[in-house]
Protein backbone atom coordinates (compact mmCIF):
# COMPACT_ATOMS: atom_id res chain seq x y z
CA MET A 1 72.24 146.31 122.21
CA SER A 2 73.28 143.22 120.31
CA THR A 3 71.90 141.79 117.17
CA THR A 4 72.23 138.21 116.13
CA MET A 5 72.06 137.07 112.60
CA GLN A 6 70.94 133.61 111.77
CA THR A 7 72.06 132.16 108.52
CA THR A 8 70.50 129.12 107.05
CA LYS A 9 72.46 126.75 104.94
CA SER A 10 70.88 126.59 101.55
CA GLU A 11 72.16 123.83 99.39
CA ALA A 12 72.82 124.74 95.81
CA ASN A 13 72.04 121.76 93.66
CA THR A 14 74.34 122.74 90.84
CA THR A 15 75.20 119.98 88.45
CA PRO A 16 78.59 119.66 86.76
CA LEU A 17 76.87 120.40 83.45
CA GLN A 18 75.49 123.69 84.79
CA LEU A 19 78.94 124.63 86.07
CA ALA A 20 80.52 123.83 82.71
CA LEU A 21 77.93 125.90 80.87
CA ALA A 22 78.37 128.84 83.23
CA TRP A 23 82.16 128.77 82.90
CA SER A 24 81.86 128.46 79.12
CA PHE A 25 79.52 131.44 79.04
CA ALA A 26 82.19 133.57 80.71
CA GLY A 27 85.35 131.79 79.62
CA ILE A 28 84.93 131.62 75.86
CA PRO A 29 84.58 135.41 75.37
CA LEU A 30 87.43 135.94 77.83
CA LEU A 31 89.73 133.63 75.88
CA ALA A 32 88.69 135.25 72.60
CA GLY A 33 89.58 138.67 74.04
CA VAL A 34 92.96 137.46 75.26
CA ALA A 35 93.69 135.89 71.88
CA GLN A 36 92.73 139.09 70.04
CA THR A 37 94.92 141.13 72.37
CA LEU A 38 97.88 138.85 71.70
CA VAL A 39 97.33 139.08 67.93
CA ASN A 40 97.27 142.88 68.14
CA ALA A 41 100.36 142.92 70.35
CA ILE A 42 102.25 140.79 67.82
CA LYS A 43 101.25 143.22 65.05
CA LEU A 44 102.47 146.13 67.18
CA PHE A 45 105.95 144.70 67.64
CA HIS A 46 106.55 143.65 64.03
């Protein structure tokens, strides 16, 4: 018994602006967290 799966190519019409907004949505909090971690690490070693 074999099953075949058909996949259809769906084109994602993502604009560069949408990509930039999505990366900003995730990237800005990530960078803020990394910066805060570095600040706390500097405090720890002083």
